[in-house]
Amino acid sequence: MLKIGLTGGIASGKTAVSNCFSRLGVPVIDTDIISRELVEPGRPALEQIAARLGREFIAPDGSLDRPALRRHIFSHPEARAILEGILHPAIRQEVERRLAETGNAPYALVVIPLLVEKRLQDMVDRVLLVDVPEALQVQRVCQRDDISPDEAEKILLAQASRQERLHAADEVIDNSFDLPALDARVEALHEYYLSLAQRGTEKG
């Protein structure tokens, strides 16, 4: 099966793009969703986080206190490394499991927001980048998360640069325009990926 890694910076529109592919019948595996599921109460990863980073990151109801953990790892790189050491192997294993369950689909979309930052290109066959100008990212994230432009800029600086992502991409979707334009671009890419998958099958 052809594996397409979908990535992009914060507020670039990765969900809108993945939803377009999903409507076309393409299996979509979102590592953000997997990450949230792995730290639900009672899951081993949550217990490891509590044991290694501290129970102060567990809310009274037993769930992960995401805002507290996010603030902590943002200013403590060693804590971020511990968290990633817990989650990344488990996420990778779950992605492989879900890919195996997709049946005879010609290709699947794997949404990996930090694909470039964490050099996870080995998980996929091609990289599809959702690209928007940084000024538009700042505008969107301020509206979405109700934060200041300064806070949004700091988040962008902590991620890979736009140029780094463009360099890593095999295909690029410009998500600066309206939904009909996005749908048309996704449909064209869908046909392209189907043809690549077919060629791969013929070679195999």
Protein backbone atom coordinates (compact mmCIF):
# COMPACT_ATOMS: atom_id res chain seq x y z
CA MET A 1 0.00 0.00 0.00
CA LEU A 2 1.16 3.52 -0.84
CA LYS A 3 1.51 5.61 2.33
CA ILE A 4 1.11 9.38 2.02
CA GLY A 5 2.32 11.46 4.96
CA LEU A 6 0.24 14.62 5.38
CA THR A 7 1.94 17.41 7.31
CA GLY A 8 1.89 21.17 7.77
CA GLY A 9 2.38 23.87 10.35
CA ILE A 10 -0.11 24.89 12.99
CA ALA A 11 -3.42 26.21 11.58
CA SER A 12 -2.41 25.35 8.01
CA GLY A 13 -5.59 23.33 7.47
CA LYS A 14 -4.41 19.71 7.79
CA THR A 15 -7.82 18.60 9.09
CA ALA A 16 -9.68 20.27 6.22
CA VAL A 17 -7.40 18.49 3.73
CA SER A 18 -7.63 15.10 5.44
CA ASN A 19 -11.44 15.45 5.54
CA CYS A 20 -11.43 16.02 1.76
CA PHE A 21 -9.46 12.80 1.23
CA SER A 22 -11.73 10.95 3.65
CA ARG A 23 -14.81 12.00 1.65
CA LEU A 24 -13.17 10.40 -1.39
CA GLY A 25 -12.99 7.10 0.49
CA VAL A 26 -9.29 7.26 1.37
CA PRO A 27 -8.36 5.69 4.74
CA VAL A 28 -7.06 8.46 7.03
CA ILE A 29 -4.89 7.69 10.07
CA ASP A 30 -4.31 10.76 12.26
CA THR A 31 -1.39 10.51 14.68
CA ASP A 32 -2.80 13.38 16.78
CA ILE A 33 -5.96 11.35 17.39
CA ILE A 34 -3.88 8.26 18.17
CA SER A 35 -1.77 10.30 20.60
CA ARG A 36 -4.88 11.47 22.47
CA GLU A 37 -6.28 7.93 22.62
CA LEU A 38 -3.00 6.56 24.01
CA VAL A 39 -3.18 8.83 27.06
CA GLU A 40 -6.80 8.14 28.01
CA PRO A 41 -7.34 7.06 31.64
CA GLY A 42 -6.23 3.48 32.21
CA ARG A 43 -3.92 3.33 29.20
CA PRO A 44 -0.28 2.30 29.83
CA ALA A 45 1.15 5.48 28.28
CA LEU A 46 -0.69 7.67 30.80
CA GLU A 47 0.70 5.64 33.67
CA GLN A 48 4.20 6.01 32.25
CA ILE A 49 3.75 9.78 32.00
CA ALA A 50 2.62 9.94 35.63
CA ALA A 51 5.52 7.76 36.77
CA ARG A 52 8.25 9.56 34.83
CA LEU A 53 7.05 13.16 34.70
CA GLY A 54 4.92 13.41 37.83
CA ARG A 55 1.34 12.97 38.97
CA GLU A 56 0.83 16.74 38.89
CA PHE A 57 0.06 16.28 35.20
CA ILE A 58 -2.89 14.02 35.97
CA ALA A 59 -6.18 15.86 36.52
CA PRO A 60 -8.48 14.98 39.45
CA ASP A 61 -10.71 12.95 37.13
CA GLY A 62 -7.75 10.77 36.12
CA SER A 63 -7.28 12.33 32.67
CA LEU A 64 -4.14 13.99 31.36
CA ASP A 65 -3.87 17.68 32.26
CA ARG A 66 -2.90 18.72 28.75
CA PRO A 67 -2.47 22.47 29.32
CA ALA A 68 -0.16 21.88 32.30
CA LEU A 69 1.91 19.29 30.44
CA ARG A 70 2.09 21.50 27.33
CA ARG A 71 3.40 24.44 29.37
CA HIS A 72 5.93 22.21 31.12
CA ILE A 73 7.44 20.56 28.04
CA PHE A 74 7.55 23.87 26.19
CA SER A 75 10.09 25.17 28.70
CA HIS A 76 11.74 21.85 29.68
CA PRO A 77 13.33 20.07 26.68
CA GLU A 78 14.29 17.07 28.80
CA ALA A 79 10.64 16.53 29.74
CA ARG A 80 9.64 16.78 26.07
CA ALA A 81 12.22 14.09 25.23
CA ILE A 82 10.80 11.79 27.93
CA LEU A 83 7.25 12.32 26.68
CA GLU A 84 8.25 11.63 23.09
CA GLY A 85 10.13 8.52 24.19
CA ILE A 86 6.89 7.25 25.71
CA LEU A 87 4.51 8.22 22.92
CA HIS A 88 6.38 7.97 19.62
CA PRO A 89 7.06 4.19 19.62
CA ALA A 90 3.47 3.53 20.68
CA ILE A 91 2.12 5.85 17.96
CA ARG A 92 4.26 4.22 15.29
CA GLN A 93 3.09 0.75 16.35
CA GLU A 94 -0.57 1.84 16.27
CA VAL A 95 -0.16 3.43 12.82
CA GLU A 96 1.24 0.15 11.48
CA ARG A 97 -1.63 -1.77 13.06
CA ARG A 98 -4.25 0.50 11.50
CA LEU A 99 -2.56 0.40 8.10
CA ALA A 100 -2.72 -3.38 8.23
CA GLU A 101 -6.48 -3.12 8.85
CA THR A 102 -7.22 -0.90 5.83
CA GLY A 103 -7.69 -3.90 3.57
CA ASN A 104 -7.16 -3.48 -0.15
CA ALA A 105 -7.18 0.32 -0.31
CA PRO A 106 -4.72 1.55 -2.98
CA TYR A 107 -3.27 4.15 -0.63
CA ALA A 108 -3.73 5.63 2.84
CA LEU A 109 -3.17 9.08 4.29
CA VAL A 110 -1.17 9.27 7.53
CA VAL A 111 -1.48 12.68 9.21
CA ILE A 112 1.81 13.48 10.98
CA PRO A 113 1.97 17.16 12.08
CA LEU A 114 5.61 16.93 13.23
CA LEU A 115 6.83 14.75 10.36
CA VAL A 116 9.58 17.20 9.36
CA GLU A 117 10.59 18.22 12.88
CA LYS A 118 10.98 14.61 14.03
CA ARG A 119 12.34 13.33 10.70
CA LEU A 120 9.63 10.70 10.36
CA GLN A 121 9.80 10.43 6.57
CA ASP A 122 10.69 6.74 6.93
CA MET A 123 7.09 6.07 8.04
CA VAL A 124 5.67 7.04 4.63
CA ASP A 125 6.35 6.78 0.90
CA ARG A 126 5.56 10.38 -0.03
CA VAL A 127 5.15 13.66 1.87
CA LEU A 128 2.16 15.93 1.16
CA LEU A 129 2.51 19.41 2.64
CA VAL A 130 -0.40 21.71 3.45
CA ASP A 131 1.17 25.11 2.92
CA VAL A 132 -0.01 28.62 3.80
CA PRO A 133 1.88 31.91 4.28
CA GLU A 134 3.08 32.36 7.86
CA ALA A 135 1.07 35.57 8.27
CA LEU A 136 -2.10 33.60 7.54
CA GLN A 137 -1.05 30.90 10.03
CA VAL A 138 -0.68 33.55 12.75
CA GLN A 139 -4.07 35.04 11.90
CA ARG A 140 -5.81 31.66 11.93
CA VAL A 141 -4.24 30.38 15.15
CA CYS A 142 -5.04 33.65 16.97
CA GLN A 143 -8.69 33.29 15.95
CA ARG A 144 -8.85 29.58 16.68
CA ASP A 145 -7.09 29.52 20.05
CA ASP A 146 -7.86 33.07 21.20
CA ILE A 147 -4.20 33.94 21.73
CA SER A 148 -2.08 36.99 20.94
CA PRO A 149 0.01 37.33 17.76
CA ASP A 150 3.16 37.18 19.93
CA GLU A 151 2.10 33.82 21.37
CA ALA A 152 1.27 32.53 17.90
CA GLU A 153 4.68 33.63 16.61
CA LYS A 154 6.41 31.71 19.42
CA ILE A 155 4.53 28.55 18.45
CA LEU A 156 5.61 28.96 14.82
CA LEU A 157 9.23 29.49 15.84
CA ALA A 158 9.17 26.19 17.77
CA GLN A 159 8.15 24.32 14.61
CA ALA A 160 10.02 23.63 11.38
CA SER A 161 10.24 26.62 9.08
CA ARG A 162 8.08 26.90 5.99
CA GLN A 163 11.18 26.42 3.82
CA GLU A 164 12.19 23.25 5.69
CA ARG A 165 8.75 21.78 5.07
CA LEU A 166 8.73 22.76 1.41
CA HIS A 167 12.13 21.14 0.97
CA ALA A 168 10.85 17.86 2.45
CA ALA A 169 7.60 17.77 0.45
CA ASP A 170 6.89 15.67 -2.61
CA GLU A 171 3.56 17.40 -3.21
CA VAL A 172 2.20 20.71 -1.89
CA ILE A 173 -1.36 21.94 -1.36
CA ASP A 174 -1.71 25.72 -1.12
CA ASN A 175 -4.51 26.16 1.42
CA SER A 176 -4.74 29.94 1.14
CA PHE A 177 -7.89 29.82 -0.94
CA ASP A 178 -11.53 28.77 -0.53
CA LEU A 179 -12.93 25.27 -0.03
CA PRO A 180 -13.87 24.63 -3.69
CA ALA A 181 -10.25 25.28 -4.70
CA LEU A 182 -9.08 22.91 -1.96
CA ASP A 183 -11.52 20.20 -3.07
CA ALA A 184 -10.31 20.50 -6.66
CA ARG A 185 -6.66 20.20 -5.64
CA VAL A 186 -7.36 17.18 -3.44
CA GLU A 187 -9.31 15.46 -6.20
CA ALA A 188 -6.40 15.96 -8.61
CA LEU A 189 -3.95 14.56 -6.05
CA HIS A 190 -6.30 11.64 -5.38
CA GLU A 191 -6.17 10.65 -9.05
CA TYR A 192 -2.40 11.07 -9.04
CA TYR A 193 -1.94 8.87 -5.96
CA LEU A 194 -4.26 6.22 -7.41
CA SER A 195 -2.09 6.13 -10.54
CA LEU A 196 1.09 5.85 -8.44
CA ALA A 197 -0.45 3.04 -6.39
CA GLN A 198 -1.49 1.24 -9.58
CA ARG A 199 2.00 1.53 -11.03
CA GLY A 200 3.43 0.18 -7.78
CA THR A 201 1.07 -2.78 -7.93
CA GLU A 202 2.04 -3.49 -11.52
CA LYS A 203 5.74 -3.40 -10.61
CA GLY A 204 5.09 -5.70 -7.67
